Amino acid sequence: MADWIIILGICGIYLAITLVMGIIPGRKVSNSAAGYVAGDRSMNVFILYFVLGASIFSSFASFGGPGWAYSRGAAAFYIIAYGALGMVPFYFFGPKARKLGAKHGFVTQAELLQDRYNSKLLSALLAVLTVVVLIPYLTLQMKGAGLVLNTISEGTIPEWLGAGIAYGVVLVYVFFSGVMGVGWTNTFQGIFMLIIAWFLGIYLPEKMYGGIGPMFEELIASDFGDALTAPGLTSSGAAWDWWGFSSAVLISAIGFSMWPHFFMKAFAAKSDRTIKLTVVLYPTFQIFLVPILIIGFAAVLAFPNVTPADSILPHVLLQMDLPVILIGLVCAGTLAASMSSGDAIVHAAASVAVRDGLSKSPSLANWMKAEGNERTLIRILVIVISLIAYYFAVFSETDIVSLLLGAYGGIAQMFPLVFAMFYWPRANGKGALAGLIGGIVVTLFFLYNPEFKPLPMHEGIYGLIVNLALLIGISLTTEPEDRERIERYTEL
């Protein structure tokens, strides 16, 4: 029997276990939309820790991380830098959002912002923004899953089919179980990929170079040595400048807790203490990135000129003389990394699209009042959004980290609105709406016209500058919101 068949069989067993673990928890929550979207607000620290960890570090880490270390050197350190900063705002925003959600029935980020700024138009715009930025993120996960199954099958399974198999499983358990299916599978997947990452990060340098120290000594002495000096290289191999590196860190840190599939978990948390303790413990999950980058560095001298760089991890596994069962477990771990974000993303995108977008339609709003109809519509959107992302996964050639960086620019535009919601009483709906629209327009302009940037910074930074200027300027020159409404948020 060919080795790839055994490896594929192990991945198949993993997918079957994940499917079962994803379906069973859905039976323990209510049949309401709140049960499907927020798990009846019952997540404990253990589950929340792995949900937040696994939902952020996914294909981006398992493929993009080693790929950047392999091809761009020290540029990959930006991943560790922003992760160390990005969770801090959630320590302050998360408990406030949880309290308001429990009191007023909110289960999405946009519902919170709509109530504070008294603007249904803002809610609808946020619904559109959420779906638009989450689809590239979901596409990223699907591309990662397809890459794994294509590589381990030695090309027998094309990437489009590999992505379809893995995300067929995701679609089933998200459809039936909602956020609780996401929670329990993320816990299983998170533990699994942490073990695999640390094993590979220690084992590969030891086997190939005699240890991590000797590995870096050889890299420094090679032509790749200059790439190990921050800020590393660009995708073209030229030296990356500090403007680009630092702005990538900043925009990613600002956008980190603004991702709807991340922020929404505040509404699922059991208590304020659950959120705060999870934030305090979260840096331990960040350590997961250290062995991930080491894997990429280990491959530089041993396997030169591998393209695309995002495929370096499965390429190394198949070229090394490793036991076939071990390779199968590692490949299952990389699938876990992809799926652990994808399930949370598609669940969040569908939930927001219905709760904050379609529910604003008068005809649908009346229909959704009937028991179970809202949950049914969210489930339908889970299928639709999955199919759209799958289309882009099959036909898009953009590399994994570039997809994520592009999406971060848009999602970071929510940060000024969330901050002002809790900490600036003078902020109003007109200012919030103008700031969000202005920030998105500027971000998109510089994304597609980078030659017009005054400085080589991430386009999302320019968007934030315009966003803040409009939010502050228009809020100060127009009528404030109702005092009672404002005090619900600023006096928590």
Protein backbone atom coordinates (compact mmCIF):
# COMPACT_ATOMS: atom_id res chain seq x y z
CA MET A 1 0.00 0.00 0.00
CA ALA A 2 1.34 3.43 -0.95
CA ASP A 3 2.37 5.65 1.96
CA TRP A 4 0.08 8.46 0.86
CA ILE A 5 -2.95 6.20 1.19
CA ILE A 6 -2.08 5.47 4.84
CA ILE A 7 -1.52 9.19 5.49
CA LEU A 8 -4.82 10.00 3.85
CA GLY A 9 -6.52 7.35 5.97
CA ILE A 10 -5.22 8.94 9.17
CA CYS A 11 -6.53 12.31 8.01
CA GLY A 12 -9.85 10.64 7.27
CA ILE A 13 -10.04 9.27 10.82
CA TYR A 14 -9.27 12.75 12.16
CA LEU A 15 -12.07 14.24 10.03
CA ALA A 16 -14.52 11.61 11.29
CA ILE A 17 -13.63 12.32 14.94
CA THR A 18 -14.00 16.05 14.34
CA LEU A 19 -17.40 15.55 12.74
CA VAL A 20 -18.71 13.56 15.72
CA MET A 21 -17.26 16.03 18.25
CA GLY A 22 -18.83 18.90 16.33
CA ILE A 23 -22.34 17.48 16.10
CA ILE A 24 -22.88 16.17 19.65
CA PRO A 25 -22.56 19.48 21.61
CA GLY A 26 -25.31 21.11 19.56
CA ARG A 27 -27.85 18.92 21.33
CA LYS A 28 -27.13 20.58 24.67
CA VAL A 29 -28.21 24.13 23.82
CA SER A 30 -31.60 25.68 23.14
CA ASN A 31 -33.15 25.78 19.68
CA SER A 32 -33.16 29.58 19.69
CA ALA A 33 -30.95 31.84 17.59
CA ALA A 34 -29.15 32.84 20.82
CA GLY A 35 -28.39 29.18 21.47
CA TYR A 36 -27.07 28.69 17.94
CA VAL A 37 -25.04 31.93 17.85
CA ALA A 38 -23.94 32.39 21.50
CA GLY A 39 -24.30 28.91 23.00
CA ASP A 40 -26.75 30.20 25.64
CA ARG A 41 -23.83 32.28 27.03
CA SER A 42 -22.27 29.27 28.76
CA MET A 43 -18.62 29.00 27.59
CA ASN A 44 -16.09 28.44 30.38
CA VAL A 45 -12.41 29.48 30.44
CA PHE A 46 -11.12 26.16 29.08
CA ILE A 47 -13.35 26.22 25.99
CA LEU A 48 -13.01 29.97 25.42
CA TYR A 49 -9.19 29.76 25.58
CA PHE A 50 -9.03 27.24 22.76
CA VAL A 51 -11.85 28.83 20.76
CA LEU A 52 -10.08 32.21 20.69
CA GLY A 53 -6.65 30.66 20.16
CA ALA A 54 -7.57 28.17 17.48
CA SER A 55 -9.89 30.58 15.68
CA ILE A 56 -7.08 33.10 15.07
CA PHE A 57 -3.99 30.93 14.52
CA SER A 58 -4.96 28.64 11.69
CA SER A 59 -3.85 28.12 8.09
CA PHE A 60 -2.28 31.53 8.49
CA ALA A 61 0.05 30.13 11.16
CA SER A 62 0.52 26.56 9.94
CA PHE A 63 1.19 27.46 6.31
CA GLY A 64 1.70 31.21 6.09
CA GLY A 65 3.97 31.32 9.16
CA PRO A 66 6.49 28.71 7.96
CA GLY A 67 6.12 30.09 4.42
CA TRP A 68 7.11 33.59 5.50
CA ALA A 69 10.00 32.32 7.67
CA TYR A 70 11.22 30.23 4.73
CA SER A 71 10.96 32.93 2.06
CA ARG A 72 11.08 36.23 3.97
CA GLY A 73 13.14 35.53 7.09
CA ALA A 74 12.70 37.97 9.97
CA ALA A 75 9.59 39.45 8.33
CA ALA A 76 7.71 36.53 9.89
CA PHE A 77 8.38 37.95 13.36
CA TYR A 78 5.59 40.45 12.79
CA ILE A 79 3.19 37.57 13.52
CA ILE A 80 4.55 37.18 17.04
CA ALA A 81 4.76 40.95 17.57
CA TYR A 82 1.11 41.72 16.84
CA GLY A 83 -0.17 38.67 18.68
CA ALA A 84 1.47 39.92 21.86
CA LEU A 85 -0.48 43.18 21.60
CA GLY A 86 -3.74 42.27 19.91
CA MET A 87 -5.54 40.65 22.85
CA VAL A 88 -5.13 43.59 25.25
CA PRO A 89 -8.20 45.60 24.09
CA PHE A 90 -10.43 42.55 24.57
CA TYR A 91 -9.64 42.59 28.31
CA PHE A 92 -11.48 45.92 28.50
CA PHE A 93 -14.05 45.60 25.69
CA GLY A 94 -15.01 41.96 26.25
CA PRO A 95 -16.60 42.14 29.73
CA LYS A 96 -18.54 45.29 28.82
CA ALA A 97 -19.89 43.63 25.67
CA ARG A 98 -20.82 40.49 27.63
CA LYS A 99 -22.82 42.47 30.22
CA LEU A 100 -24.74 44.37 27.55
CA GLY A 101 -25.35 41.20 25.55
CA ALA A 102 -26.77 39.35 28.54
CA LYS A 103 -29.01 42.30 29.47
CA HIS A 104 -30.31 43.25 26.02
CA GLY A 105 -30.02 39.99 24.06
CA PHE A 106 -27.14 41.01 21.78
CA VAL A 107 -25.17 38.20 20.13
CA THR A 108 -23.22 40.11 17.46
CA GLN A 109 -20.80 43.03 17.42
CA ALA A 110 -22.97 45.02 15.01
CA GLU A 111 -26.05 44.76 17.28
CA LEU A 112 -24.01 46.38 20.03
CA LEU A 113 -22.83 49.21 17.76
CA GLN A 114 -26.30 49.75 16.31
CA ASP A 115 -27.79 50.22 19.76
CA ARG A 116 -25.05 52.58 20.99
CA TYR A 117 -25.07 54.76 17.87
CA ASN A 118 -28.82 54.41 17.19
CA SER A 119 -28.24 53.62 13.52
CA LYS A 120 -29.77 50.74 11.56
CA LEU A 121 -27.78 51.87 8.52
CA LEU A 122 -24.56 51.39 10.50
CA SER A 123 -25.68 47.89 11.43
CA ALA A 124 -26.39 47.01 7.79
CA LEU A 125 -23.04 48.43 6.68
CA LEU A 126 -21.24 46.42 9.36
CA ALA A 127 -23.05 43.29 8.19
CA VAL A 128 -21.77 43.87 4.65
CA LEU A 129 -18.25 44.66 5.89
CA THR A 130 -18.20 41.55 8.07
CA VAL A 131 -19.15 39.22 5.24
CA VAL A 132 -16.79 40.92 2.78
CA VAL A 133 -13.74 40.65 5.06
CA LEU A 134 -14.54 37.21 6.46
CA ILE A 135 -14.85 35.59 3.04
CA PRO A 136 -11.11 36.15 2.27
CA TYR A 137 -10.31 34.80 5.73
CA LEU A 138 -12.45 31.71 5.12
CA THR A 139 -10.90 31.37 1.66
CA LEU A 140 -7.50 31.31 3.36
CA GLN A 141 -8.55 28.34 5.52
CA MET A 142 -9.94 26.42 2.57
CA LYS A 143 -6.79 26.96 0.53
CA GLY A 144 -4.78 25.58 3.44
CA ALA A 145 -6.90 22.45 3.74
CA GLY A 146 -6.77 21.84 0.00
CA LEU A 147 -2.99 22.27 0.01
CA VAL A 148 -2.56 19.63 2.73
CA LEU A 149 -4.63 16.94 1.05
CA ASN A 150 -3.16 17.69 -2.38
CA THR A 151 0.42 17.44 -1.13
CA ILE A 152 0.06 14.31 1.00
CA SER A 153 -1.78 12.48 -1.80
CA GLU A 154 1.10 13.31 -4.18
CA GLY A 155 -1.28 15.24 -6.39
CA THR A 156 -3.91 12.50 -6.61
CA ILE A 157 -6.41 14.68 -4.74
CA PRO A 158 -6.54 18.12 -6.41
CA GLU A 159 -6.64 21.15 -4.13
CA TRP A 160 -10.25 21.93 -5.04
CA LEU A 161 -11.35 18.46 -3.92
CA GLY A 162 -9.21 18.55 -0.76
CA ALA A 163 -10.77 21.84 0.28
CA GLY A 164 -14.22 20.45 -0.50
CA ILE A 165 -13.70 17.33 1.63
CA ALA A 166 -12.39 19.16 4.70
CA TYR A 167 -14.95 21.93 4.55
CA GLY A 168 -17.77 19.55 3.84
CA VAL A 169 -17.12 18.25 7.36
CA VAL A 170 -17.00 21.81 8.76
CA LEU A 171 -20.23 22.70 7.00
CA VAL A 172 -22.07 19.75 8.55
CA TYR A 173 -21.17 20.38 12.19
CA VAL A 174 -21.54 24.16 11.99
CA PHE A 175 -24.93 23.69 10.31
CA PHE A 176 -26.23 21.42 13.06
CA SER A 177 -24.47 22.68 16.20
CA GLY A 178 -23.59 26.35 15.73
CA VAL A 179 -21.15 27.90 18.17
CA MET A 180 -21.01 24.92 20.55
CA GLY A 181 -19.87 22.69 17.71
CA VAL A 182 -17.23 25.30 16.96
CA GLY A 183 -16.23 25.42 20.64
CA TRP A 184 -15.67 21.72 21.22
CA THR A 185 -13.98 21.03 17.89
CA ASN A 186 -11.70 24.05 18.41
CA THR A 187 -10.67 22.64 21.79
CA PHE A 188 -9.81 19.27 20.26
CA GLN A 189 -8.09 20.86 17.28
CA GLY A 190 -6.21 23.39 19.41
CA ILE A 191 -4.71 20.75 21.70
CA PHE A 192 -3.86 18.57 18.71
CA MET A 193 -2.06 21.28 16.74
CA LEU A 194 -0.14 22.57 19.79
CA ILE A 195 1.32 19.11 20.34
CA ILE A 196 2.17 18.68 16.65
CA ALA A 197 3.73 22.15 16.32
CA TRP A 198 6.05 21.72 19.29
CA PHE A 199 7.08 18.24 18.23
CA LEU A 200 8.04 19.42 14.73
CA GLY A 201 9.70 22.62 15.95
CA ILE A 202 12.07 20.61 18.13
CA TYR A 203 12.44 17.45 16.04
CA LEU A 204 13.18 18.90 12.59
CA PRO A 205 16.12 21.17 13.56
CA GLU A 206 17.57 18.35 15.68
CA LYS A 207 17.37 15.84 12.83
CA MET A 208 18.54 18.21 10.08
CA TYR A 209 21.17 20.33 11.88
CA GLY A 210 21.83 18.81 15.29
CA GLY A 211 19.72 21.37 17.13
CA ILE A 212 18.16 24.83 16.92
CA GLY A 213 21.43 26.63 17.74
CA PRO A 214 23.46 24.92 14.99
CA MET A 215 20.59 25.56 12.57
CA PHE A 216 20.76 29.32 13.07
CA GLU A 217 24.56 29.28 12.94
CA GLU A 218 24.39 27.72 9.48
CA LEU A 219 21.66 30.12 8.37
CA ILE A 220 23.64 33.16 9.51
CA ALA A 221 26.71 31.96 7.62
CA SER A 222 24.69 31.39 4.44
CA ASP A 223 23.34 33.80 1.82
CA PHE A 224 20.10 33.82 3.83
CA GLY A 225 21.83 35.43 6.81
CA ASP A 226 20.81 38.99 5.91
CA ALA A 227 17.15 37.94 5.81
CA LEU A 228 17.35 37.06 9.51
CA THR A 229 17.87 40.73 10.36
CA ALA A 230 14.59 42.53 10.98
CA PRO A 231 12.49 43.57 9.19
CA GLY A 232 13.39 40.81 6.70
CA LEU A 233 12.35 40.58 3.06
CA THR A 234 9.34 41.41 0.90
CA SER A 235 7.59 38.78 -1.20
CA SER A 236 9.82 39.75 -4.14
CA GLY A 237 13.00 39.14 -2.12
CA ALA A 238 13.88 42.81 -1.64
CA ALA A 239 14.56 44.26 1.82
CA TRP A 240 11.33 45.10 3.66
CA ASP A 241 11.34 48.59 5.17
CA TRP A 242 10.41 49.45 8.74
CA TRP A 243 7.36 51.43 7.61
CA GLY A 244 5.88 48.31 6.08
CA PHE A 245 6.87 46.01 8.95
CA SER A 246 5.72 48.25 11.80
CA SER A 247 2.45 49.21 10.10
CA ALA A 248 1.71 45.52 9.46
CA VAL A 249 2.19 44.89 13.19
CA LEU A 250 0.06 47.89 14.16
CA ILE A 251 -2.88 47.23 11.84
CA SER A 252 -2.92 43.54 12.80
CA ALA A 253 -2.82 44.34 16.54
CA ILE A 254 -5.65 46.86 16.18
CA GLY A 255 -7.77 44.50 14.11
CA PHE A 256 -7.00 41.36 16.16
CA SER A 257 -9.95 41.48 18.56
CA MET A 258 -12.20 43.27 16.06
CA TRP A 259 -12.73 40.15 13.96
CA PRO A 260 -16.45 39.38 14.37
CA HIS A 261 -15.84 35.65 14.91
CA PHE A 262 -13.48 36.64 17.73
CA PHE A 263 -15.42 39.53 19.30
CA MET A 264 -18.69 37.58 19.26
CA LYS A 265 -17.26 35.08 21.75
CA ALA A 266 -17.66 37.77 24.42
CA PHE A 267 -21.41 37.13 24.15
CA ALA A 268 -20.85 33.38 24.60
CA ALA A 269 -18.66 33.70 27.72
CA LYS A 270 -20.08 32.55 31.04
CA SER A 271 -18.89 35.59 33.04
CA ASP A 272 -16.63 38.65 33.03
CA ARG A 273 -14.03 36.64 34.93
CA THR A 274 -14.08 34.03 32.16
CA ILE A 275 -13.10 36.67 29.60
CA LYS A 276 -10.43 38.34 31.74
CA LEU A 277 -8.80 35.07 32.77
CA THR A 278 -8.78 33.90 29.16
CA VAL A 279 -7.03 37.11 28.08
CA VAL A 280 -4.42 36.69 30.83
CA LEU A 281 -3.75 33.08 29.79
CA TYR A 282 -3.84 33.79 26.06
CA PRO A 283 -0.09 34.60 25.62
CA THR A 284 0.65 30.95 26.41
CA PHE A 285 -1.17 30.04 23.20
CA GLN A 286 0.96 32.58 21.36
CA ILE A 287 4.01 30.42 22.13
CA PHE A 288 2.57 28.06 19.52
CA LEU A 289 4.05 30.36 16.87
CA VAL A 290 7.66 29.82 17.94
CA PRO A 291 7.98 26.23 16.65
CA ILE A 292 5.89 27.14 13.60
CA LEU A 293 8.50 29.68 12.46
CA ILE A 294 11.37 27.35 13.35
CA ILE A 295 9.94 24.81 10.90
CA GLY A 296 10.21 27.37 8.10
CA PHE A 297 13.77 28.34 9.02
CA ALA A 298 14.80 24.67 9.17
CA ALA A 299 13.78 24.19 5.54
CA VAL A 300 15.73 27.13 4.06
CA LEU A 301 19.03 25.35 3.41
CA ALA A 302 17.73 21.79 3.17
CA PHE A 303 14.97 22.48 0.62
CA PRO A 304 15.76 25.59 -1.46
CA ASN A 305 13.47 27.09 -4.11
CA VAL A 306 10.22 25.40 -3.05
CA THR A 307 7.20 27.19 -4.52
CA PRO A 308 4.75 28.30 -3.36
CA ALA A 309 6.42 29.06 -0.04
CA ASP A 310 3.15 28.31 1.78
CA SER A 311 3.59 24.63 0.84
CA ILE A 312 6.92 24.26 2.63
CA LEU A 313 5.53 22.39 5.67
CA PRO A 314 3.90 19.49 3.79
CA HIS A 315 6.86 19.47 1.36
CA VAL A 316 9.33 18.96 4.23
CA LEU A 317 7.22 16.20 5.74
CA LEU A 318 7.14 14.22 2.53
CA GLN A 319 10.85 14.68 1.80
CA MET A 320 12.05 13.69 5.28
CA ASP A 321 12.54 10.07 6.27
CA LEU A 322 9.72 10.02 8.82
CA PRO A 323 7.42 7.14 9.84
CA VAL A 324 4.31 7.23 7.71
CA ILE A 325 1.99 7.23 10.75
CA LEU A 326 3.81 10.28 12.14
CA ILE A 327 3.41 12.10 8.83
CA GLY A 328 -0.29 11.27 8.89
CA LEU A 329 -0.69 12.71 12.38
CA VAL A 330 1.19 15.87 11.42
CA CYS A 331 -0.94 16.35 8.33
CA ALA A 332 -4.07 15.85 10.42
CA GLY A 333 -2.71 18.53 12.76
CA THR A 334 -2.30 20.97 9.90
CA LEU A 335 -5.85 20.22 8.80
CA ALA A 336 -6.94 20.98 12.37
CA ALA A 337 -5.27 24.38 12.12
CA SER A 338 -7.19 25.21 8.96
CA MET A 339 -10.57 23.97 10.14
CA SER A 340 -10.37 25.51 13.62
CA SER A 341 -10.67 29.00 12.16
CA GLY A 342 -12.91 28.19 9.23
CA ASP A 343 -15.75 26.89 11.36
CA ALA A 344 -15.81 30.01 13.57
CA ILE A 345 -15.59 32.29 10.54
CA VAL A 346 -18.45 30.81 8.55
CA HIS A 347 -20.61 30.67 11.68
CA ALA A 348 -19.93 34.34 12.48
CA ALA A 349 -20.39 35.56 8.91
CA ALA A 350 -23.76 33.84 8.56
CA SER A 351 -24.93 35.00 11.99
CA VAL A 352 -24.05 38.64 11.32
CA ALA A 353 -25.51 38.56 7.80
CA VAL A 354 -28.86 37.48 9.22
CA ARG A 355 -29.01 39.31 12.56
CA ASP A 356 -27.63 42.62 11.27
CA GLY A 357 -28.43 42.53 7.58
CA LEU A 358 -31.38 40.47 6.40
CA SER A 359 -33.35 41.00 9.63
CA LYS A 360 -33.64 44.71 8.71
CA SER A 361 -35.90 43.77 5.80
CA PRO A 362 -39.53 44.29 6.96
CA SER A 363 -40.81 41.16 5.24
CA LEU A 364 -38.05 38.93 6.60
CA ALA A 365 -38.21 40.51 10.06
CA ASN A 366 -41.83 39.39 10.49
CA TRP A 367 -41.08 35.90 9.18
CA MET A 368 -38.11 35.50 11.54
CA LYS A 369 -40.26 36.13 14.60
CA ALA A 370 -41.62 32.60 14.30
CA GLU A 371 -39.70 30.11 16.46
CA GLY A 372 -36.78 28.51 14.65
CA ASN A 373 -37.00 30.60 11.47
CA GLU A 374 -34.06 32.85 12.31
CA ARG A 375 -31.84 29.88 13.07
CA THR A 376 -32.94 28.24 9.81
CA LEU A 377 -31.98 31.34 7.83
CA ILE A 378 -28.55 31.46 9.52
CA ARG A 379 -28.02 27.82 8.56
CA ILE A 380 -28.89 28.59 4.93
CA LEU A 381 -26.37 31.44 4.95
CA VAL A 382 -23.72 29.07 6.35
CA ILE A 383 -24.08 27.06 3.15
CA VAL A 384 -24.15 30.09 0.84
CA ILE A 385 -21.09 31.78 2.38
CA SER A 386 -19.15 28.51 2.38
CA LEU A 387 -19.80 28.09 -1.34
CA ILE A 388 -18.70 31.65 -2.13
CA ALA A 389 -15.44 31.23 -0.18
CA TYR A 390 -14.89 27.85 -1.82
CA TYR A 391 -15.14 29.48 -5.25
CA PHE A 392 -12.42 31.97 -4.35
CA ALA A 393 -10.28 29.24 -2.77
CA VAL A 394 -10.30 27.31 -6.04
CA PHE A 395 -9.69 30.24 -8.40
CA SER A 396 -7.62 32.73 -6.34
CA GLU A 397 -3.81 32.61 -6.53
CA THR A 398 -3.05 35.14 -3.75
CA ASP A 399 -0.68 33.84 -1.04
CA ILE A 400 -2.11 33.07 2.40
CA VAL A 401 -0.58 35.85 4.51
CA SER A 402 -1.31 38.49 1.87
CA LEU A 403 -4.98 37.49 1.96
CA LEU A 404 -5.04 37.99 5.71
CA LEU A 405 -3.18 41.30 5.69
CA GLY A 406 -5.60 42.67 3.10
CA ALA A 407 -8.60 41.67 5.22
CA TYR A 408 -7.08 43.19 8.39
CA GLY A 409 -7.11 46.66 6.83
CA GLY A 410 -10.89 46.55 6.52
CA ILE A 411 -11.71 44.95 9.85
CA ALA A 412 -9.46 47.36 11.78
CA GLN A 413 -11.82 50.19 10.80
CA MET A 414 -14.21 48.93 13.49
CA PHE A 415 -11.75 49.74 16.29
CA PRO A 416 -12.41 53.51 16.59
CA LEU A 417 -16.16 52.84 16.76
CA VAL A 418 -15.80 50.18 19.46
CA PHE A 419 -13.41 52.31 21.53
CA ALA A 420 -15.63 55.41 21.29
CA MET A 421 -18.71 53.30 22.09
CA PHE A 422 -17.42 52.69 25.62
CA TYR A 423 -15.06 55.58 26.31
CA TRP A 424 -16.18 58.70 24.41
CA PRO A 425 -19.72 59.86 25.29
CA ARG A 426 -19.72 62.55 22.59
CA ALA A 427 -19.43 60.04 19.73
CA ASN A 428 -22.64 59.76 17.72
CA GLY A 429 -24.13 57.74 14.87
CA LYS A 430 -23.38 60.27 12.14
CA GLY A 431 -19.71 60.42 13.11
CA ALA A 432 -19.45 56.64 13.43
CA LEU A 433 -21.05 56.05 10.04
CA ALA A 434 -18.92 58.66 8.28
CA GLY A 435 -15.74 57.40 9.93
CA LEU A 436 -16.39 53.79 9.00
CA ILE A 437 -17.25 54.58 5.37
CA GLY A 438 -14.34 56.98 4.98
CA GLY A 439 -11.88 54.52 6.50
CA ILE A 440 -13.01 51.67 4.27
CA VAL A 441 -12.91 53.80 1.10
CA VAL A 442 -9.38 55.04 1.82
CA THR A 443 -8.19 51.53 2.72
CA LEU A 444 -9.54 50.10 -0.53
CA PHE A 445 -8.10 52.97 -2.57
CA PHE A 446 -4.57 52.43 -1.31
CA LEU A 447 -4.93 48.65 -1.45
CA TYR A 448 -5.51 48.81 -5.20
CA ASN A 449 -3.41 51.93 -5.86
CA PRO A 450 -0.32 51.51 -3.63
CA GLU A 451 1.72 53.89 -5.82
CA PHE A 452 -0.20 56.82 -4.31
CA LYS A 453 0.81 56.07 -0.70
CA PRO A 454 2.81 58.98 0.80
CA LEU A 455 4.72 56.41 2.89
CA PRO A 456 4.99 52.62 2.39
CA MET A 457 2.63 51.84 5.27
CA HIS A 458 -0.21 49.34 5.36
CA GLU A 459 -3.26 50.85 3.67
CA GLY A 460 -5.37 50.23 6.76
CA ILE A 461 -3.34 52.83 8.69
CA TYR A 462 -4.36 55.53 6.21
CA GLY A 463 -7.93 54.34 6.57
CA LEU A 464 -7.76 54.66 10.36
CA ILE A 465 -6.41 58.23 10.13
CA VAL A 466 -9.37 59.28 7.98
CA ASN A 467 -11.76 57.22 10.10
CA LEU A 468 -10.70 58.96 13.32
CA ALA A 469 -10.77 62.43 11.75
CA LEU A 470 -14.34 61.95 10.50
CA LEU A 471 -15.58 60.27 13.69
CA ILE A 472 -14.27 63.09 15.87
CA GLY A 473 -15.04 65.99 13.55
CA ILE A 474 -18.60 65.05 12.66
CA SER A 475 -19.50 63.91 16.18
CA LEU A 476 -18.40 67.28 17.59
CA THR A 477 -20.34 69.28 15.01
CA THR A 478 -23.64 67.35 15.17
CA GLU A 479 -26.17 66.55 17.90
CA PRO A 480 -25.07 64.00 20.55
CA GLU A 481 -26.96 60.78 21.17
CA ASP A 482 -29.55 60.43 23.93
CA ARG A 483 -27.88 60.66 27.35
CA GLU A 484 -29.60 57.56 28.75
CA ARG A 485 -28.45 55.49 25.78
CA ILE A 486 -24.87 56.74 26.15
CA GLU A 487 -24.72 56.06 29.89
CA ARG A 488 -25.64 52.41 29.34
CA TYR A 489 -22.25 52.05 27.66
CA THR A 490 -19.93 54.57 29.27
CA GLU A 491 -20.87 53.89 32.90
CA LEU A 492 -20.49 50.10 32.94
